[in-house]
């Protein structure tokens, strides 16, 4: 695991091992630094970058589960306008994924999660995003494990001998929204 915890020269998200800049919540994230030991009174701190990225991915999956199935909807929930330039954030992430802000995200898989995580980490941390490598993100994706998205199971299907962090996640959001969210 990789840690940049409390390295003052780095952007807040990186030095907190929280490159998605998740604010403090009562969530019991794996790898979360207890508040009594944390050096940041606004944002979560994690024991490693991998756990911080994992928490970010789980937060995003939770938002998608609530019907946020476009970049506009997802980022509007993740980075609200009262504390961000949300339109610039949306446009940056959409551009990084090579989609329009309102393009429906029909399939979530390891490739999408990798690109989405990289795009968000870049917006949140600028040039310090370089400290969060693809391998760190891929490890975080593997740590997500098996999750359920609106009663559609997302399975970690890593096979021995295959690319180490492949995570097949096949979800059709329109079907999920139509069947489970209405």
N, C-alpha and C. Protein backbone atom coordinates (compact mmCIF):
# COMPACT_ATOMS: atom_id res chain seq x y z
N UNK A 1 0.84 -1.18 0.00
CA UNK A 1 0.00 0.00 0.00
C UNK A 1 0.89 1.25 0.00
N UNK A 2 0.35 2.32 -0.56
CA UNK A 2 1.11 3.56 -0.72
C UNK A 2 0.53 4.64 0.18
N UNK A 3 1.40 5.35 0.89
CA UNK A 3 0.93 6.42 1.76
C UNK A 3 1.71 7.70 1.54
N UNK A 4 0.99 8.80 1.52
CA UNK A 4 1.58 10.14 1.47
C UNK A 4 1.08 10.95 2.66
N UNK A 5 0.63 10.25 3.70
CA UNK A 5 -0.03 10.87 4.84
C UNK A 5 0.82 11.97 5.48
N UNK A 6 0.21 13.14 5.56
CA UNK A 6 0.74 14.32 6.26
C UNK A 6 2.03 14.88 5.67
N UNK A 7 2.29 14.63 4.38
CA UNK A 7 3.43 15.27 3.71
C UNK A 7 2.98 16.66 3.30
N UNK A 8 3.41 17.65 4.03
CA UNK A 8 2.89 19.02 3.92
C UNK A 8 3.03 19.65 2.54
N UNK A 9 4.01 19.26 1.76
CA UNK A 9 4.24 19.86 0.45
C UNK A 9 3.19 19.46 -0.57
N UNK A 10 2.41 18.44 -0.27
CA UNK A 10 1.44 17.91 -1.22
C UNK A 10 0.06 18.52 -1.01
N UNK A 11 -0.75 18.49 -2.08
CA UNK A 11 -2.14 18.97 -1.99
C UNK A 11 -2.86 18.17 -0.91
N UNK A 12 -3.86 18.80 -0.33
CA UNK A 12 -4.59 18.24 0.80
C UNK A 12 -5.10 16.82 0.54
N UNK A 13 -5.69 16.59 -0.63
CA UNK A 13 -6.23 15.27 -0.94
C UNK A 13 -5.18 14.18 -0.94
N UNK A 14 -4.00 14.51 -1.44
CA UNK A 14 -2.91 13.52 -1.49
C UNK A 14 -2.32 13.33 -0.10
N UNK A 15 -2.06 14.41 0.62
CA UNK A 15 -1.46 14.26 1.95
C UNK A 15 -2.42 13.64 2.96
N UNK A 16 -3.72 13.58 2.63
CA UNK A 16 -4.69 12.88 3.47
C UNK A 16 -4.92 11.44 3.00
N UNK A 17 -4.21 11.03 1.94
CA UNK A 17 -4.47 9.73 1.31
C UNK A 17 -5.95 9.64 0.92
N UNK A 18 -6.52 10.78 0.56
CA UNK A 18 -7.93 10.93 0.23
C UNK A 18 -8.03 11.74 -1.06
N UNK A 19 -7.57 11.17 -2.18
CA UNK A 19 -7.48 11.97 -3.40
C UNK A 19 -8.81 12.40 -4.00
N UNK A 20 -9.91 11.87 -3.48
CA UNK A 20 -11.24 12.32 -3.90
C UNK A 20 -11.77 13.41 -2.99
N UNK A 21 -11.00 13.78 -1.97
CA UNK A 21 -11.37 14.80 -0.99
C UNK A 21 -12.76 14.57 -0.40
N UNK A 22 -12.98 13.35 0.10
CA UNK A 22 -14.23 13.06 0.79
C UNK A 22 -14.24 13.79 2.12
N UNK A 23 -15.35 14.49 2.39
CA UNK A 23 -15.45 15.17 3.68
C UNK A 23 -15.70 14.15 4.78
N UNK A 24 -15.43 14.56 6.00
CA UNK A 24 -15.64 13.68 7.15
C UNK A 24 -17.12 13.30 7.27
N UNK A 25 -17.34 12.04 7.48
CA UNK A 25 -18.69 11.52 7.70
C UNK A 25 -18.59 10.40 8.73
N UNK A 26 -19.73 9.95 9.21
CA UNK A 26 -19.70 8.81 10.15
C UNK A 26 -19.41 7.47 9.47
N UNK A 27 -19.29 7.45 8.13
CA UNK A 27 -19.00 6.20 7.43
C UNK A 27 -17.77 5.53 8.01
N UNK A 28 -17.85 4.23 8.15
CA UNK A 28 -16.73 3.45 8.70
C UNK A 28 -15.93 2.86 7.55
N UNK A 29 -15.29 3.75 6.79
CA UNK A 29 -14.49 3.31 5.65
C UNK A 29 -13.35 2.41 6.11
N UNK A 30 -13.03 1.40 5.33
CA UNK A 30 -11.85 0.59 5.58
C UNK A 30 -10.63 1.48 5.41
N UNK A 31 -9.71 1.43 6.35
CA UNK A 31 -8.48 2.21 6.27
C UNK A 31 -8.62 3.65 6.73
N UNK A 32 -9.77 4.02 7.24
CA UNK A 32 -10.00 5.39 7.72
C UNK A 32 -9.20 5.65 8.99
N UNK A 33 -8.54 6.80 9.04
CA UNK A 33 -7.83 7.22 10.24
C UNK A 33 -8.87 7.72 11.24
N UNK A 34 -8.87 7.21 12.48
CA UNK A 34 -9.84 7.70 13.47
C UNK A 34 -9.70 9.22 13.68
N UNK A 35 -10.82 9.87 13.92
CA UNK A 35 -10.82 11.33 14.07
C UNK A 35 -9.83 11.80 15.13
N UNK A 36 -9.71 11.06 16.20
CA UNK A 36 -8.79 11.45 17.28
C UNK A 36 -7.34 11.49 16.81
N UNK A 37 -7.01 10.73 15.76
CA UNK A 37 -5.64 10.69 15.24
C UNK A 37 -5.46 11.52 13.97
N UNK A 38 -6.56 12.00 13.40
CA UNK A 38 -6.52 12.72 12.13
C UNK A 38 -5.95 14.13 12.31
N UNK A 39 -5.20 14.57 11.31
CA UNK A 39 -4.63 15.92 11.32
C UNK A 39 -5.50 16.90 10.54
N UNK A 40 -6.63 16.44 10.00
CA UNK A 40 -7.51 17.28 9.19
C UNK A 40 -8.91 17.26 9.81
N UNK A 41 -9.44 18.42 10.12
CA UNK A 41 -10.74 18.45 10.77
C UNK A 41 -11.92 18.62 9.81
N UNK A 42 -11.65 18.64 8.49
CA UNK A 42 -12.74 18.75 7.51
C UNK A 42 -12.85 17.51 6.61
N UNK A 43 -11.70 16.97 6.21
CA UNK A 43 -11.69 15.86 5.25
C UNK A 43 -11.20 14.58 5.90
N UNK A 44 -11.69 13.46 5.36
CA UNK A 44 -11.25 12.15 5.83
C UNK A 44 -9.75 11.97 5.57
N UNK A 45 -9.10 11.19 6.43
CA UNK A 45 -7.74 10.73 6.19
C UNK A 45 -7.77 9.21 6.18
N UNK A 46 -6.92 8.63 5.33
CA UNK A 46 -6.86 7.18 5.19
C UNK A 46 -5.43 6.71 5.39
N UNK A 47 -5.27 5.45 5.74
CA UNK A 47 -3.94 4.89 5.98
C UNK A 47 -3.16 4.71 4.69
N UNK A 48 -3.86 4.65 3.55
CA UNK A 48 -3.16 4.52 2.26
C UNK A 48 -3.99 5.18 1.17
N UNK A 49 -3.32 5.51 0.07
CA UNK A 49 -4.02 6.06 -1.09
C UNK A 49 -5.03 5.06 -1.64
N UNK A 50 -4.68 3.78 -1.60
CA UNK A 50 -5.59 2.75 -2.12
C UNK A 50 -6.92 2.77 -1.37
N UNK A 51 -6.87 2.89 -0.03
CA UNK A 51 -8.11 2.94 0.74
C UNK A 51 -8.88 4.23 0.48
N UNK A 52 -8.17 5.31 0.27
CA UNK A 52 -8.85 6.57 -0.06
C UNK A 52 -9.55 6.51 -1.40
N UNK A 53 -8.89 5.92 -2.40
CA UNK A 53 -9.50 5.76 -3.72
C UNK A 53 -10.67 4.78 -3.62
N UNK A 54 -10.52 3.73 -2.86
CA UNK A 54 -11.61 2.76 -2.66
C UNK A 54 -12.84 3.46 -2.10
N UNK A 55 -12.66 4.29 -1.08
CA UNK A 55 -13.79 5.02 -0.49
C UNK A 55 -14.45 5.93 -1.53
N UNK A 56 -13.64 6.61 -2.33
CA UNK A 56 -14.17 7.47 -3.38
C UNK A 56 -15.02 6.65 -4.35
N UNK A 57 -14.50 5.50 -4.78
CA UNK A 57 -15.23 4.66 -5.73
C UNK A 57 -16.55 4.17 -5.13
N UNK A 58 -16.52 3.77 -3.87
CA UNK A 58 -17.75 3.32 -3.21
C UNK A 58 -18.75 4.47 -3.10
N UNK A 59 -18.27 5.67 -2.83
CA UNK A 59 -19.14 6.84 -2.78
C UNK A 59 -19.78 7.09 -4.15
N UNK A 60 -18.98 6.99 -5.21
CA UNK A 60 -19.49 7.18 -6.57
C UNK A 60 -20.50 6.09 -6.93
N UNK A 61 -20.20 4.84 -6.59
CA UNK A 61 -21.13 3.75 -6.85
C UNK A 61 -22.44 3.98 -6.11
N UNK A 62 -22.36 4.47 -4.88
CA UNK A 62 -23.56 4.79 -4.11
C UNK A 62 -24.38 5.88 -4.82
N UNK A 63 -23.71 6.90 -5.34
CA UNK A 63 -24.41 7.97 -6.06
C UNK A 63 -25.07 7.42 -7.34
N UNK A 64 -24.36 6.55 -8.04
CA UNK A 64 -24.93 5.93 -9.23
C UNK A 64 -26.15 5.10 -8.84
N UNK A 65 -26.04 4.43 -7.71
CA UNK A 65 -27.15 3.62 -7.20
C UNK A 65 -28.39 4.48 -6.94
N UNK A 66 -28.17 5.75 -6.65
CA UNK A 66 -29.28 6.69 -6.41
C UNK A 66 -29.79 7.30 -7.71
N UNK A 67 -29.29 6.83 -8.86
CA UNK A 67 -29.79 7.31 -10.14
C UNK A 67 -28.94 8.37 -10.81
N UNK A 68 -27.76 8.63 -10.32
CA UNK A 68 -26.86 9.63 -10.91
C UNK A 68 -26.07 8.96 -12.04
N UNK A 69 -26.71 8.74 -13.19
CA UNK A 69 -26.12 7.92 -14.24
C UNK A 69 -25.59 8.71 -15.44
N UNK A 70 -25.30 9.99 -15.23
CA UNK A 70 -24.57 10.80 -16.22
C UNK A 70 -23.48 11.53 -15.47
N UNK A 71 -22.50 12.02 -16.19
CA UNK A 71 -21.43 12.78 -15.53
C UNK A 71 -22.02 14.02 -14.84
N UNK A 72 -22.96 14.69 -15.49
CA UNK A 72 -23.57 15.88 -14.89
C UNK A 72 -24.24 15.54 -13.56
N UNK A 73 -25.06 14.50 -13.55
CA UNK A 73 -25.75 14.12 -12.31
C UNK A 73 -24.76 13.64 -11.25
N UNK A 74 -23.80 12.84 -11.67
CA UNK A 74 -22.84 12.26 -10.73
C UNK A 74 -21.98 13.34 -10.07
N UNK A 75 -21.41 14.23 -10.88
CA UNK A 75 -20.53 15.26 -10.33
C UNK A 75 -21.32 16.33 -9.58
N UNK A 76 -22.54 16.61 -10.01
CA UNK A 76 -23.37 17.57 -9.27
C UNK A 76 -23.63 17.09 -7.84
N UNK A 77 -23.77 15.78 -7.67
CA UNK A 77 -23.93 15.20 -6.34
C UNK A 77 -22.58 15.15 -5.60
N UNK A 78 -21.54 14.75 -6.31
CA UNK A 78 -20.22 14.54 -5.70
C UNK A 78 -19.54 15.87 -5.32
N UNK A 79 -19.69 16.86 -6.18
CA UNK A 79 -19.00 18.14 -5.98
C UNK A 79 -20.01 19.28 -6.16
N UNK A 80 -20.87 19.50 -5.17
CA UNK A 80 -21.95 20.47 -5.32
C UNK A 80 -21.46 21.91 -5.53
N UNK A 81 -22.32 22.69 -6.19
CA UNK A 81 -21.97 24.06 -6.59
C UNK A 81 -21.68 24.98 -5.41
N UNK A 82 -22.20 24.70 -4.23
CA UNK A 82 -21.95 25.60 -3.10
C UNK A 82 -20.50 25.56 -2.64
N UNK A 83 -19.72 24.57 -3.11
CA UNK A 83 -18.31 24.53 -2.73
C UNK A 83 -17.35 24.28 -3.89
N UNK A 84 -17.88 24.20 -5.12
CA UNK A 84 -17.06 23.90 -6.30
C UNK A 84 -17.55 24.69 -7.51
N UNK A 85 -16.69 24.80 -8.51
CA UNK A 85 -17.12 25.26 -9.83
C UNK A 85 -17.60 23.99 -10.54
N UNK A 86 -18.82 23.61 -10.24
CA UNK A 86 -19.34 22.32 -10.67
C UNK A 86 -19.38 22.17 -12.18
N UNK A 87 -19.74 23.22 -12.90
CA UNK A 87 -19.80 23.10 -14.37
C UNK A 87 -18.41 22.83 -14.95
N UNK A 88 -17.39 23.51 -14.46
CA UNK A 88 -16.03 23.26 -14.93
C UNK A 88 -15.61 21.83 -14.58
N UNK A 89 -15.99 21.39 -13.38
CA UNK A 89 -15.67 20.03 -12.92
C UNK A 89 -16.34 19.01 -13.84
N UNK A 90 -17.63 19.20 -14.11
CA UNK A 90 -18.38 18.30 -15.00
C UNK A 90 -17.72 18.24 -16.37
N UNK A 91 -17.42 19.41 -16.93
CA UNK A 91 -16.82 19.46 -18.27
C UNK A 91 -15.46 18.78 -18.31
N UNK A 92 -14.67 18.96 -17.26
CA UNK A 92 -13.35 18.33 -17.20
C UNK A 92 -13.47 16.81 -17.16
N UNK A 93 -14.34 16.31 -16.30
CA UNK A 93 -14.51 14.86 -16.17
C UNK A 93 -15.09 14.27 -17.46
N UNK A 94 -16.11 14.93 -18.02
CA UNK A 94 -16.71 14.44 -19.27
C UNK A 94 -15.67 14.41 -20.39
N UNK A 95 -14.86 15.46 -20.47
CA UNK A 95 -13.81 15.50 -21.49
C UNK A 95 -12.80 14.37 -21.30
N UNK A 96 -12.42 14.12 -20.06
CA UNK A 96 -11.48 13.04 -19.77
C UNK A 96 -12.03 11.67 -20.17
N UNK A 97 -13.34 11.51 -20.06
CA UNK A 97 -13.98 10.24 -20.43
C UNK A 97 -14.41 10.23 -21.90
N UNK A 98 -14.20 11.37 -22.57
CA UNK A 98 -14.56 11.52 -23.99
C UNK A 98 -16.05 11.29 -24.23
N UNK A 99 -16.87 11.87 -23.34
CA UNK A 99 -18.33 11.82 -23.46
C UNK A 99 -18.89 13.20 -23.20
N UNK A 100 -20.15 13.41 -23.56
CA UNK A 100 -20.82 14.66 -23.20
C UNK A 100 -21.28 14.56 -21.75
N UNK A 101 -21.52 15.69 -21.09
CA UNK A 101 -21.94 15.65 -19.69
C UNK A 101 -23.23 14.86 -19.44
N UNK A 102 -24.11 14.79 -20.45
CA UNK A 102 -25.38 14.10 -20.27
C UNK A 102 -25.43 12.72 -20.93
N UNK A 103 -24.29 12.24 -21.39
CA UNK A 103 -24.22 10.91 -21.98
C UNK A 103 -24.55 9.88 -20.89
N UNK A 104 -25.51 8.99 -21.18
CA UNK A 104 -25.87 7.99 -20.16
C UNK A 104 -24.77 6.95 -19.96
N UNK A 105 -24.40 6.75 -18.72
CA UNK A 105 -23.42 5.73 -18.38
C UNK A 105 -24.17 4.41 -18.27
N UNK A 106 -24.09 3.59 -19.31
CA UNK A 106 -24.86 2.35 -19.35
C UNK A 106 -24.13 1.17 -18.75
N UNK A 107 -22.82 1.19 -18.79
CA UNK A 107 -22.03 0.08 -18.29
C UNK A 107 -20.95 0.63 -17.38
N UNK A 108 -20.84 0.03 -16.21
CA UNK A 108 -19.76 0.41 -15.30
C UNK A 108 -18.83 -0.79 -15.21
N UNK A 109 -17.58 -0.54 -15.51
CA UNK A 109 -16.58 -1.61 -15.46
C UNK A 109 -15.26 -1.02 -14.99
N UNK A 110 -14.25 -1.84 -14.91
CA UNK A 110 -12.97 -1.38 -14.38
C UNK A 110 -12.37 -0.27 -15.24
N UNK A 111 -12.59 -0.31 -16.56
CA UNK A 111 -12.06 0.75 -17.43
C UNK A 111 -12.71 2.09 -17.11
N UNK A 112 -14.04 2.08 -16.97
CA UNK A 112 -14.75 3.32 -16.63
C UNK A 112 -14.32 3.82 -15.26
N UNK A 113 -14.26 2.93 -14.27
CA UNK A 113 -13.87 3.35 -12.93
C UNK A 113 -12.46 3.94 -12.91
N UNK A 114 -11.55 3.35 -13.67
CA UNK A 114 -10.19 3.87 -13.75
C UNK A 114 -10.19 5.29 -14.32
N UNK A 115 -10.87 5.47 -15.45
CA UNK A 115 -10.92 6.80 -16.09
C UNK A 115 -11.63 7.82 -15.21
N UNK A 116 -12.73 7.41 -14.60
CA UNK A 116 -13.50 8.31 -13.74
C UNK A 116 -12.67 8.72 -12.52
N UNK A 117 -12.01 7.75 -11.89
CA UNK A 117 -11.16 8.06 -10.74
C UNK A 117 -10.02 9.00 -11.12
N UNK A 118 -9.35 8.72 -12.24
CA UNK A 118 -8.25 9.59 -12.68
C UNK A 118 -8.73 11.01 -12.94
N UNK A 119 -9.89 11.14 -13.58
CA UNK A 119 -10.42 12.47 -13.90
C UNK A 119 -10.76 13.25 -12.64
N UNK A 120 -11.41 12.61 -11.69
CA UNK A 120 -11.78 13.28 -10.44
C UNK A 120 -10.54 13.63 -9.63
N UNK A 121 -9.60 12.71 -9.55
CA UNK A 121 -8.37 12.96 -8.79
C UNK A 121 -7.59 14.12 -9.39
N UNK A 122 -7.60 14.24 -10.72
CA UNK A 122 -6.90 15.35 -11.37
C UNK A 122 -7.57 16.68 -11.04
N UNK A 123 -8.89 16.73 -11.08
CA UNK A 123 -9.60 17.97 -10.73
C UNK A 123 -9.33 18.33 -9.27
N UNK A 124 -9.39 17.35 -8.40
CA UNK A 124 -9.25 17.59 -6.97
C UNK A 124 -7.82 17.96 -6.55
N UNK A 125 -6.81 17.47 -7.27
CA UNK A 125 -5.42 17.60 -6.79
C UNK A 125 -4.45 18.24 -7.77
N UNK A 126 -4.91 18.62 -8.94
CA UNK A 126 -4.02 19.26 -9.91
C UNK A 126 -2.83 18.39 -10.24
N UNK A 127 -1.65 19.01 -10.29
CA UNK A 127 -0.45 18.27 -10.69
C UNK A 127 -0.04 17.19 -9.67
N UNK A 128 -0.49 17.32 -8.43
CA UNK A 128 -0.17 16.28 -7.43
C UNK A 128 -0.93 14.98 -7.68
N UNK A 129 -1.87 15.00 -8.63
CA UNK A 129 -2.58 13.76 -9.00
C UNK A 129 -1.60 12.71 -9.50
N UNK A 130 -0.42 13.14 -9.94
CA UNK A 130 0.59 12.19 -10.44
C UNK A 130 1.01 11.17 -9.38
N UNK A 131 0.77 11.47 -8.12
CA UNK A 131 1.13 10.55 -7.04
C UNK A 131 0.17 9.36 -6.95
N UNK A 132 -0.97 9.47 -7.62
CA UNK A 132 -1.95 8.38 -7.63
C UNK A 132 -1.84 7.70 -8.99
N UNK A 133 -1.08 6.64 -9.04
CA UNK A 133 -0.80 5.94 -10.29
C UNK A 133 -1.98 5.04 -10.69
N UNK A 134 -1.94 4.60 -11.93
CA UNK A 134 -2.96 3.65 -12.39
C UNK A 134 -2.95 2.39 -11.53
N UNK A 135 -1.78 1.93 -11.12
CA UNK A 135 -1.70 0.73 -10.29
C UNK A 135 -2.40 0.93 -8.94
N UNK A 136 -2.28 2.12 -8.37
CA UNK A 136 -2.97 2.42 -7.11
C UNK A 136 -4.48 2.37 -7.32
N UNK A 137 -4.95 2.98 -8.41
CA UNK A 137 -6.39 2.97 -8.70
C UNK A 137 -6.88 1.56 -8.97
N UNK A 138 -6.11 0.79 -9.73
CA UNK A 138 -6.51 -0.59 -10.03
C UNK A 138 -6.58 -1.44 -8.76
N UNK A 139 -5.65 -1.22 -7.85
CA UNK A 139 -5.69 -1.93 -6.57
C UNK A 139 -6.95 -1.53 -5.80
N UNK A 140 -7.28 -0.24 -5.81
CA UNK A 140 -8.49 0.23 -5.13
C UNK A 140 -9.74 -0.40 -5.75
N UNK A 141 -9.76 -0.51 -7.07
CA UNK A 141 -10.90 -1.15 -7.76
C UNK A 141 -11.03 -2.60 -7.28
N UNK A 142 -9.90 -3.29 -7.15
CA UNK A 142 -9.96 -4.68 -6.68
C UNK A 142 -10.44 -4.76 -5.24
N UNK A 143 -10.17 -3.72 -4.45
CA UNK A 143 -10.60 -3.70 -3.04
C UNK A 143 -12.09 -3.40 -2.88
N UNK A 144 -12.72 -2.89 -3.94
CA UNK A 144 -14.15 -2.63 -3.87
C UNK A 144 -14.91 -3.92 -3.64
N UNK A 145 -14.47 -5.00 -4.28
CA UNK A 145 -15.10 -6.30 -4.08
C UNK A 145 -16.46 -6.39 -4.73
N UNK A 146 -17.25 -7.33 -4.26
CA UNK A 146 -18.59 -7.54 -4.80
C UNK A 146 -19.56 -6.57 -4.14
N UNK A 147 -20.25 -5.80 -4.94
CA UNK A 147 -21.22 -4.82 -4.45
C UNK A 147 -22.52 -5.00 -5.21
N UNK A 148 -23.57 -4.44 -4.69
CA UNK A 148 -24.85 -4.48 -5.36
C UNK A 148 -25.24 -3.07 -5.77
N UNK A 149 -25.70 -2.93 -6.99
CA UNK A 149 -26.15 -1.65 -7.51
C UNK A 149 -27.62 -1.81 -7.88
N UNK A 150 -28.50 -1.29 -7.04
CA UNK A 150 -29.94 -1.39 -7.25
C UNK A 150 -30.36 -2.82 -7.61
N UNK A 151 -29.98 -3.74 -6.77
CA UNK A 151 -30.34 -5.15 -6.92
C UNK A 151 -29.71 -5.82 -8.12
N UNK A 152 -28.73 -5.17 -8.75
CA UNK A 152 -27.95 -5.80 -9.81
C UNK A 152 -26.57 -6.02 -9.22
N UNK A 153 -26.13 -7.25 -9.17
CA UNK A 153 -24.86 -7.56 -8.53
C UNK A 153 -23.69 -7.14 -9.41
N UNK A 154 -22.73 -6.51 -8.79
CA UNK A 154 -21.48 -6.15 -9.44
C UNK A 154 -20.43 -7.10 -8.87
N UNK A 155 -19.87 -7.92 -9.70
CA UNK A 155 -18.95 -8.94 -9.20
C UNK A 155 -17.52 -8.64 -9.60
N UNK A 156 -16.63 -8.86 -8.68
CA UNK A 156 -15.21 -8.83 -8.94
C UNK A 156 -14.88 -10.19 -9.54
N UNK A 157 -14.53 -10.20 -10.83
CA UNK A 157 -14.30 -11.46 -11.52
C UNK A 157 -12.83 -11.64 -11.89
N UNK A 158 -11.96 -11.22 -11.01
CA UNK A 158 -10.54 -11.37 -11.27
C UNK A 158 -10.22 -12.86 -11.30
N UNK A 159 -9.61 -13.30 -12.37
CA UNK A 159 -9.23 -14.70 -12.52
C UNK A 159 -7.72 -14.82 -12.33
N UNK A 160 -7.29 -15.88 -11.70
CA UNK A 160 -5.86 -16.04 -11.50
C UNK A 160 -5.17 -16.10 -12.85
N UNK A 161 -4.05 -15.43 -12.93
CA UNK A 161 -3.30 -15.38 -14.17
C UNK A 161 -3.75 -14.28 -15.12
N UNK A 162 -4.86 -13.62 -14.79
CA UNK A 162 -5.34 -12.54 -15.65
C UNK A 162 -4.75 -11.22 -15.17
N UNK A 163 -5.00 -10.18 -15.91
CA UNK A 163 -4.57 -8.85 -15.51
C UNK A 163 -5.00 -8.66 -14.06
N UNK A 164 -4.11 -8.29 -13.16
CA UNK A 164 -4.35 -8.45 -11.73
C UNK A 164 -5.54 -7.68 -11.15
N UNK A 165 -5.95 -6.62 -11.74
CA UNK A 165 -7.00 -5.84 -11.10
C UNK A 165 -8.24 -5.69 -11.97
N UNK A 166 -8.44 -6.64 -12.89
CA UNK A 166 -9.60 -6.54 -13.76
C UNK A 166 -10.85 -6.75 -12.93
N UNK A 167 -11.78 -5.86 -13.07
CA UNK A 167 -13.04 -5.93 -12.33
C UNK A 167 -14.17 -5.75 -13.31
N UNK A 168 -14.82 -6.85 -13.64
CA UNK A 168 -15.92 -6.78 -14.60
C UNK A 168 -17.16 -6.32 -13.87
N UNK A 169 -17.72 -5.21 -14.30
CA UNK A 169 -18.94 -4.69 -13.70
C UNK A 169 -19.92 -4.37 -14.81
N UNK A 170 -20.86 -5.22 -15.08
CA UNK A 170 -21.78 -4.97 -16.17
C UNK A 170 -23.12 -4.51 -15.61
N UNK A 171 -23.44 -3.22 -15.80
CA UNK A 171 -24.67 -2.66 -15.28
C UNK A 171 -25.30 -1.78 -16.34
N UNK A 172 -26.54 -1.99 -16.62
CA UNK A 172 -27.24 -1.13 -17.57
C UNK A 172 -28.13 -0.19 -16.77
N UNK A 173 -27.67 1.08 -16.64
CA UNK A 173 -28.31 2.03 -15.75
C UNK A 173 -29.75 2.36 -16.14
N UNK A 174 -30.04 2.40 -17.41
CA UNK A 174 -31.42 2.69 -17.78
C UNK A 174 -32.34 1.59 -17.26
N UNK A 175 -31.92 0.36 -17.39
CA UNK A 175 -32.72 -0.74 -16.89
C UNK A 175 -32.87 -0.64 -15.38
N UNK A 176 -31.77 -0.34 -14.71
CA UNK A 176 -31.80 -0.21 -13.26
C UNK A 176 -32.75 0.92 -12.87
N UNK A 177 -32.61 2.07 -13.52
CA UNK A 177 -33.47 3.21 -13.19
C UNK A 177 -34.93 2.89 -13.48
N UNK A 178 -35.18 2.26 -14.62
CA UNK A 178 -36.55 1.94 -15.00
C UNK A 178 -37.16 0.91 -14.05
N UNK A 179 -36.42 -0.12 -13.74
CA UNK A 179 -36.96 -1.22 -12.95
C UNK A 179 -36.95 -0.94 -11.46
N UNK A 180 -35.83 -0.42 -10.95
CA UNK A 180 -35.65 -0.35 -9.50
C UNK A 180 -35.80 1.02 -8.88
N UNK A 181 -35.65 2.08 -9.63
CA UNK A 181 -35.66 3.40 -9.02
C UNK A 181 -36.97 4.16 -9.23
N UNK A 182 -37.84 3.63 -10.04
CA UNK A 182 -39.13 4.32 -10.27
C UNK A 182 -40.16 3.88 -9.27
